[in-house]
């Protein structure tokens, strides 16, 4: 196995664009076409996002964003997938295989050439991505030197700190020792969130 070379990488943020052809015709034993079935799967994912219901893609904590587009080029139906994420492409695709294989099968299983063993057949899935990846000409990452998990941790720490100050700072000038002890305890209880690594 070799690393796919066409990916753009900024700091620790990576990107991926995959273009695949949706199968033509109706699904055997169904009244739906492959495109209709794919549209239903993507509609379900989007509806869950809109309703605040966790979607499978949220199981991968390194994803900054992911997008699927169904497009017709005048001859055939195309599925376009784009994503920005932290870390290596190998680990990103491995997470797909390990954590959300069934859900990815329901998406790309409607496309030509998708591995018979699905996403869990990682070697075949890797080759499938390699064959359908499109080189990105230009790539932007707003915060390339910080992981998404660290940003979440810092946000949670800030919220906890604001709550601590709102409840503990009142009267701190009268009892600085008590405030200091409370502050030390707060740091002890919340420092784990600050240990999330930034990108090297």
C-alpha atoms as a PDB file:
ATOM      1  CA  UNK A   1       0.000   0.000   0.000  1.00  0.00           C
ATOM      2  CA  UNK A   2       1.285   3.476  -0.791  1.00  0.00           C
ATOM      3  CA  UNK A   3       0.079   6.907   0.224  1.00  0.00           C
ATOM      4  CA  UNK A   4      -2.159   8.739  -2.209  1.00  0.00           C
ATOM      5  CA  UNK A   5      -0.126  11.637  -3.554  1.00  0.00           C
ATOM      6  CA  UNK A   6      -2.734  14.121  -4.763  1.00  0.00           C
ATOM      7  CA  UNK A   7      -3.872  15.310  -1.327  1.00  0.00           C
ATOM      8  CA  UNK A   8      -3.172  18.882  -0.214  1.00  0.00           C
ATOM      9  CA  UNK A   9      -1.942  19.234   3.343  1.00  0.00           C
ATOM     10  CA  UNK A  10      -1.749  22.424   5.456  1.00  0.00           C
ATOM     11  CA  UNK A  11      -0.307  22.162   8.942  1.00  0.00           C
ATOM     12  CA  UNK A  12      -2.136  19.102  10.230  1.00  0.00           C
ATOM     13  CA  UNK A  13      -5.296  19.527   8.135  1.00  0.00           C
ATOM     14  CA  UNK A  14      -5.795  17.320   5.107  1.00  0.00           C
ATOM     15  CA  UNK A  15      -8.380  17.247   2.315  1.00  0.00           C
ATOM     16  CA  UNK A  16     -10.009  14.679   0.069  1.00  0.00           C
ATOM     17  CA  UNK A  17     -12.155  14.890  -3.057  1.00  0.00           C
ATOM     18  CA  UNK A  18     -13.615  11.733  -4.615  1.00  0.00           C
ATOM     19  CA  UNK A  19     -15.671  11.623  -7.836  1.00  0.00           C
ATOM     20  CA  UNK A  20     -17.537   8.400  -8.609  1.00  0.00           C
ATOM     21  CA  UNK A  21     -20.145   7.332 -11.164  1.00  0.00           C
ATOM     22  CA  UNK A  22     -23.556   6.331  -9.842  1.00  0.00           C
ATOM     23  CA  UNK A  23     -24.845   3.038 -11.210  1.00  0.00           C
ATOM     24  CA  UNK A  24     -27.496   3.298 -13.896  1.00  0.00           C
ATOM     25  CA  UNK A  25     -30.878   1.583 -13.934  1.00  0.00           C
ATOM     26  CA  UNK A  26     -33.056   0.139 -11.219  1.00  0.00           C
ATOM     27  CA  UNK A  27     -31.901  -1.843  -8.229  1.00  0.00           C
ATOM     28  CA  UNK A  28     -32.734  -5.556  -8.684  1.00  0.00           C
ATOM     29  CA  UNK A  29     -35.973  -6.363  -6.892  1.00  0.00           C
ATOM     30  CA  UNK A  30     -36.771  -2.684  -6.279  1.00  0.00           C
ATOM     31  CA  UNK A  31     -38.684   0.079  -8.006  1.00  0.00           C
ATOM     32  CA  UNK A  32     -35.920   2.554  -7.121  1.00  0.00           C
ATOM     33  CA  UNK A  33     -32.974   3.492  -9.279  1.00  0.00           C
ATOM     34  CA  UNK A  34     -29.518   3.592  -7.703  1.00  0.00           C
ATOM     35  CA  UNK A  35     -29.630   7.380  -7.823  1.00  0.00           C
ATOM     36  CA  UNK A  36     -32.989   7.458  -6.027  1.00  0.00           C
ATOM     37  CA  UNK A  37     -31.730   5.116  -3.346  1.00  0.00           C
ATOM     38  CA  UNK A  38     -28.573   7.191  -2.895  1.00  0.00           C
ATOM     39  CA  UNK A  39     -30.628  10.379  -2.673  1.00  0.00           C
ATOM     40  CA  UNK A  40     -32.779   8.797   0.041  1.00  0.00           C
ATOM     41  CA  UNK A  41     -29.680   7.834   2.049  1.00  0.00           C
ATOM     42  CA  UNK A  42     -28.200  11.336   1.799  1.00  0.00           C
ATOM     43  CA  UNK A  43     -31.581  12.937   2.592  1.00  0.00           C
ATOM     44  CA  UNK A  44     -31.735  10.844   5.751  1.00  0.00           C
ATOM     45  CA  UNK A  45     -28.278  12.014   6.826  1.00  0.00           C
ATOM     46  CA  UNK A  46     -29.168  15.650   6.153  1.00  0.00           C
ATOM     47  CA  UNK A  47     -32.524  15.426   7.946  1.00  0.00           C
ATOM     48  CA  UNK A  48     -30.829  14.013  11.018  1.00  0.00           C
ATOM     49  CA  UNK A  49     -28.320  16.861  10.988  1.00  0.00           C
ATOM     50  CA  UNK A  50     -31.104  19.426  10.726  1.00  0.00           C
ATOM     51  CA  UNK A  51     -32.944  17.824  13.660  1.00  0.00           C
ATOM     52  CA  UNK A  52     -29.833  17.609  15.806  1.00  0.00           C
ATOM     53  CA  UNK A  53     -29.781  13.807  15.744  1.00  0.00           C
ATOM     54  CA  UNK A  54     -26.227  12.403  15.671  1.00  0.00           C
ATOM     55  CA  UNK A  55     -25.207  11.012  12.298  1.00  0.00           C
ATOM     56  CA  UNK A  56     -22.614   8.292  11.631  1.00  0.00           C
ATOM     57  CA  UNK A  57     -20.130  10.825  10.283  1.00  0.00           C
ATOM     58  CA  UNK A  58     -19.980  12.431  13.737  1.00  0.00           C
ATOM     59  CA  UNK A  59     -18.388   9.244  15.084  1.00  0.00           C
ATOM     60  CA  UNK A  60     -15.151  10.387  13.445  1.00  0.00           C
ATOM     61  CA  UNK A  61     -13.934  13.293  15.608  1.00  0.00           C
ATOM     62  CA  UNK A  62     -11.291  14.501  13.145  1.00  0.00           C
ATOM     63  CA  UNK A  63     -13.696  15.684  10.433  1.00  0.00           C
ATOM     64  CA  UNK A  64     -13.945  19.456   9.958  1.00  0.00           C
ATOM     65  CA  UNK A  65     -16.565  19.055   7.251  1.00  0.00           C
ATOM     66  CA  UNK A  66     -17.858  16.496   4.767  1.00  0.00           C
ATOM     67  CA  UNK A  67     -20.109  17.008   1.746  1.00  0.00           C
ATOM     68  CA  UNK A  68     -21.762  14.736  -0.831  1.00  0.00           C
ATOM     69  CA  UNK A  69     -23.104  16.182  -4.096  1.00  0.00           C
ATOM     70  CA  UNK A  70     -25.161  14.360  -6.727  1.00  0.00           C
ATOM     71  CA  UNK A  71     -24.511  15.909 -10.110  1.00  0.00           C
ATOM     72  CA  UNK A  72     -25.372  15.045 -13.705  1.00  0.00           C
ATOM     73  CA  UNK A  73     -22.746  15.901 -16.323  1.00  0.00           C
ATOM     74  CA  UNK A  74     -25.242  15.531 -19.183  1.00  0.00           C
ATOM     75  CA  UNK A  75     -24.405  11.882 -19.707  1.00  0.00           C
ATOM     76  CA  UNK A  76     -24.281  10.211 -16.327  1.00  0.00           C
ATOM     77  CA  UNK A  77     -25.030  10.774 -12.651  1.00  0.00           C
ATOM     78  CA  UNK A  78     -21.975  11.576 -10.546  1.00  0.00           C
ATOM     79  CA  UNK A  79     -21.388  11.486  -6.788  1.00  0.00           C
ATOM     80  CA  UNK A  80     -18.861  14.037  -5.516  1.00  0.00           C
ATOM     81  CA  UNK A  81     -17.472  13.772  -1.984  1.00  0.00           C
ATOM     82  CA  UNK A  82     -15.283  16.448  -0.396  1.00  0.00           C
ATOM     83  CA  UNK A  83     -13.906  16.622   3.116  1.00  0.00           C
ATOM     84  CA  UNK A  84     -11.375  18.392   5.338  1.00  0.00           C
ATOM     85  CA  UNK A  85     -10.023  16.508   8.348  1.00  0.00           C
ATOM     86  CA  UNK A  86      -7.157  16.247  10.827  1.00  0.00           C
ATOM     87  CA  UNK A  87      -4.295  13.821  10.339  1.00  0.00           C
ATOM     88  CA  UNK A  88      -3.341  11.374   7.644  1.00  0.00           C
ATOM     89  CA  UNK A  89      -5.552  10.115   4.858  1.00  0.00           C
ATOM     90  CA  UNK A  90      -4.716   6.544   5.791  1.00  0.00           C
ATOM     91  CA  UNK A  91      -6.090   7.013   9.328  1.00  0.00           C
ATOM     92  CA  UNK A  92      -9.100   8.913   8.029  1.00  0.00           C
ATOM     93  CA  UNK A  93     -10.095   6.128   5.660  1.00  0.00           C
ATOM     94  CA  UNK A  94      -9.259   3.508   8.275  1.00  0.00           C
ATOM     95  CA  UNK A  95     -11.749   5.224  10.605  1.00  0.00           C
ATOM     96  CA  UNK A  96     -14.373   4.952   7.874  1.00  0.00           C
ATOM     97  CA  UNK A  97     -13.668   1.240   7.631  1.00  0.00           C
ATOM     98  CA  UNK A  98     -13.594   0.620  11.383  1.00  0.00           C
ATOM     99  CA  UNK A  99     -16.342   2.932  12.651  1.00  0.00           C
ATOM    100  CA  UNK A 100     -18.927   3.593   9.933  1.00  0.00           C
ATOM    101  CA  UNK A 101     -18.401   0.945   7.264  1.00  0.00           C
ATOM    102  CA  UNK A 102     -22.074   0.035   6.914  1.00  0.00           C
ATOM    103  CA  UNK A 103     -23.129   3.634   6.500  1.00  0.00           C
ATOM    104  CA  UNK A 104     -20.465   4.290   3.879  1.00  0.00           C
ATOM    105  CA  UNK A 105     -21.553   1.125   2.049  1.00  0.00           C
ATOM    106  CA  UNK A 106     -25.077   2.539   1.858  1.00  0.00           C
ATOM    107  CA  UNK A 107     -23.649   5.622   0.149  1.00  0.00           C
ATOM    108  CA  UNK A 108     -20.928   4.363  -2.182  1.00  0.00           C
ATOM    109  CA  UNK A 109     -22.572   0.992  -2.713  1.00  0.00           C
ATOM    110  CA  UNK A 110     -24.735   2.811  -5.269  1.00  0.00           C
ATOM    111  CA  UNK A 111     -21.661   3.662  -7.341  1.00  0.00           C
ATOM    112  CA  UNK A 112     -19.838   1.723 -10.020  1.00  0.00           C
ATOM    113  CA  UNK A 113     -16.792  -0.268  -9.022  1.00  0.00           C
ATOM    114  CA  UNK A 114     -17.398  -0.168  -5.291  1.00  0.00           C
ATOM    115  CA  UNK A 115     -15.709  -3.153  -3.603  1.00  0.00           C
ATOM    116  CA  UNK A 116     -17.896  -6.231  -3.213  1.00  0.00           C
ATOM    117  CA  UNK A 117     -16.657  -6.545   0.371  1.00  0.00           C
ATOM    118  CA  UNK A 118     -17.602  -2.968   1.106  1.00  0.00           C
ATOM    119  CA  UNK A 119     -15.699  -0.493   3.235  1.00  0.00           C
ATOM    120  CA  UNK A 120     -14.547  -3.157   5.703  1.00  0.00           C
ATOM    121  CA  UNK A 121     -12.372  -4.635   2.974  1.00  0.00           C
ATOM    122  CA  UNK A 122      -9.904  -1.849   3.637  1.00  0.00           C
ATOM    123  CA  UNK A 123      -7.353  -2.750   0.982  1.00  0.00           C
ATOM    124  CA  UNK A 124     -10.054  -2.735  -1.702  1.00  0.00           C
ATOM    125  CA  UNK A 125     -11.635   0.422  -0.287  1.00  0.00           C
ATOM    126  CA  UNK A 126      -8.251   2.168  -0.312  1.00  0.00           C
ATOM    127  CA  UNK A 127      -7.742   1.253  -3.962  1.00  0.00           C
ATOM    128  CA  UNK A 128     -11.261   2.484  -4.761  1.00  0.00           C
ATOM    129  CA  UNK A 129     -10.525   5.876  -3.214  1.00  0.00           C
ATOM    130  CA  UNK A 130      -7.146   6.023  -4.920  1.00  0.00           C
ATOM    131  CA  UNK A 131      -8.749   5.365  -8.315  1.00  0.00           C
ATOM    132  CA  UNK A 132     -11.426   8.032  -7.863  1.00  0.00           C
ATOM    133  CA  UNK A 133      -9.596  10.788  -6.012  1.00  0.00           C
ATOM    134  CA  UNK A 134      -9.397  14.113  -7.817  1.00  0.00           C
ATOM    135  CA  UNK A 135      -6.414  16.380  -7.289  1.00  0.00           C
ATOM    136  CA  UNK A 136      -7.265  19.614  -5.498  1.00  0.00           C
ATOM    137  CA  UNK A 137      -5.745  22.668  -7.172  1.00  0.00           C
ATOM    138  CA  UNK A 138      -6.004  24.984  -4.148  1.00  0.00           C
ATOM    139  CA  UNK A 139      -6.838  24.265  -0.519  1.00  0.00           C
ATOM    140  CA  UNK A 140      -7.554  26.552   2.458  1.00  0.00           C
ATOM    141  CA  UNK A 141      -7.714  25.697   6.156  1.00  0.00           C
ATOM    142  CA  UNK A 142      -8.688  28.471   8.579  1.00  0.00           C
ATOM    143  CA  UNK A 143      -6.736  27.028  11.529  1.00  0.00           C
ATOM    144  CA  UNK A 144      -4.239  24.559  10.078  1.00  0.00           C
ATOM    145  CA  UNK A 145      -2.140  24.207  13.240  1.00  0.00           C
ATOM    146  CA  UNK A 146      -4.904  23.134  15.621  1.00  0.00           C
ATOM    147  CA  UNK A 147      -6.911  19.921  15.702  1.00  0.00           C
ATOM    148  CA  UNK A 148     -10.679  19.955  15.798  1.00  0.00           C
ATOM    149  CA  UNK A 149     -10.658  18.013  19.076  1.00  0.00           C
ATOM    150  CA  UNK A 150      -8.403  20.633  20.665  1.00  0.00           C
ATOM    151  CA  UNK A 151     -10.732  23.406  19.542  1.00  0.00           C
ATOM    152  CA  UNK A 152     -13.673  21.582  21.128  1.00  0.00           C
ATOM    153  CA  UNK A 153     -11.661  21.083  24.320  1.00  0.00           C
ATOM    154  CA  UNK A 154     -10.667  24.740  24.502  1.00  0.00           C
ATOM    155  CA  UNK A 155     -14.271  25.807  23.932  1.00  0.00           C
ATOM    156  CA  UNK A 156     -15.454  23.520  26.746  1.00  0.00           C
ATOM    157  CA  UNK A 157     -12.690  24.832  29.018  1.00  0.00           C
ATOM    158  CA  UNK A 158     -13.668  28.446  28.295  1.00  0.00           C
ATOM    159  CA  UNK A 159     -17.301  27.702  29.110  1.00  0.00           C
ATOM    160  CA  UNK A 160     -16.335  26.000  32.374  1.00  0.00           C
ATOM    161  CA  UNK A 161     -13.959  28.841  33.257  1.00  0.00           C
ATOM    162  CA  UNK A 162     -16.629  31.470  32.637  1.00  0.00           C
ATOM    163  CA  UNK A 163     -19.018  29.550  34.891  1.00  0.00           C
ATOM    164  CA  UNK A 164     -16.324  29.220  37.566  1.00  0.00           C
ATOM    165  CA  UNK A 165     -15.574  32.932  37.535  1.00  0.00           C
ATOM    166  CA  UNK A 166     -19.266  33.835  37.684  1.00  0.00           C
ATOM    167  CA  UNK A 167     -19.770  31.719  40.802  1.00  0.00           C
ATOM    168  CA  UNK A 168     -16.406  32.032  42.586  1.00  0.00           C
ATOM    169  CA  UNK A 169     -15.060  35.490  41.811  1.00  0.00           C
ATOM    170  CA  UNK A 170     -17.698  37.266  43.871  1.00  0.00           C
ATOM    171  CA  UNK A 171     -16.058  38.022  47.199  1.00  0.00           C
ATOM    172  CA  UNK A 172     -12.627  36.854  46.049  1.00  0.00           C
ATOM    173  CA  UNK A 173     -11.113  40.133  47.192  1.00  0.00           C
ATOM    174  CA  UNK A 174     -12.283  39.341  50.746  1.00  0.00           C
ATOM    175  CA  UNK A 175     -10.978  35.753  50.821  1.00  0.00           C
ATOM    176  CA  UNK A 176      -8.135  35.368  48.368  1.00  0.00           C
ATOM    177  CA  UNK A 177      -6.961  32.100  49.950  1.00  0.00           C
ATOM    178  CA  UNK A 178     -10.328  30.435  49.419  1.00  0.00           C
ATOM    179  CA  UNK A 179     -10.463  31.711  45.851  1.00  0.00           C
ATOM    180  CA  UNK A 180      -6.959  30.425  45.146  1.00  0.00           C
ATOM    181  CA  UNK A 181      -7.832  26.972  46.490  1.00  0.00           C
ATOM    182  CA  UNK A 182     -11.008  26.887  44.419  1.00  0.00           C
ATOM    183  CA  UNK A 183      -9.101  27.984  41.345  1.00  0.00           C
ATOM    184  CA  UNK A 184      -6.439  25.283  41.832  1.00  0.00           C
ATOM    185  CA  UNK A 185      -9.187  22.691  42.170  1.00  0.00           C
ATOM    186  CA  UNK A 186     -10.854  23.981  39.016  1.00  0.00           C
ATOM    187  CA  UNK A 187      -7.608  23.690  37.037  1.00  0.00           C
ATOM    188  CA  UNK A 188      -7.036  20.188  38.389  1.00  0.00           C
ATOM    189  CA  UNK A 189     -10.504  19.077  37.335  1.00  0.00           C
ATOM    190  CA  UNK A 190     -10.386  20.710  33.901  1.00  0.00           C
ATOM    191  CA  UNK A 191      -6.786  20.399  32.741  1.00  0.00           C
ATOM    192  CA  UNK A 192      -7.510  17.210  30.788  1.00  0.00           C
ATOM    193  CA  UNK A 193      -9.311  19.292  28.199  1.00  0.00           C
ATOM    194  CA  UNK A 194      -6.180  21.361  27.687  1.00  0.00           C
ATOM    195  CA  UNK A 195      -4.056  18.295  27.033  1.00  0.00           C
ATOM    196  CA  UNK A 196      -5.582  17.680  23.584  1.00  0.00           C
ATOM    197  CA  UNK A 197      -2.639  18.034  21.204  1.00  0.00           C
ATOM    198  CA  UNK A 198      -2.429  20.720  18.570  1.00  0.00           C
ATOM    199  CA  UNK A 199      -0.982  19.810  15.197  1.00  0.00           C
ATOM    200  CA  UNK A 200       2.826  19.682  15.286  1.00  0.00           C
END
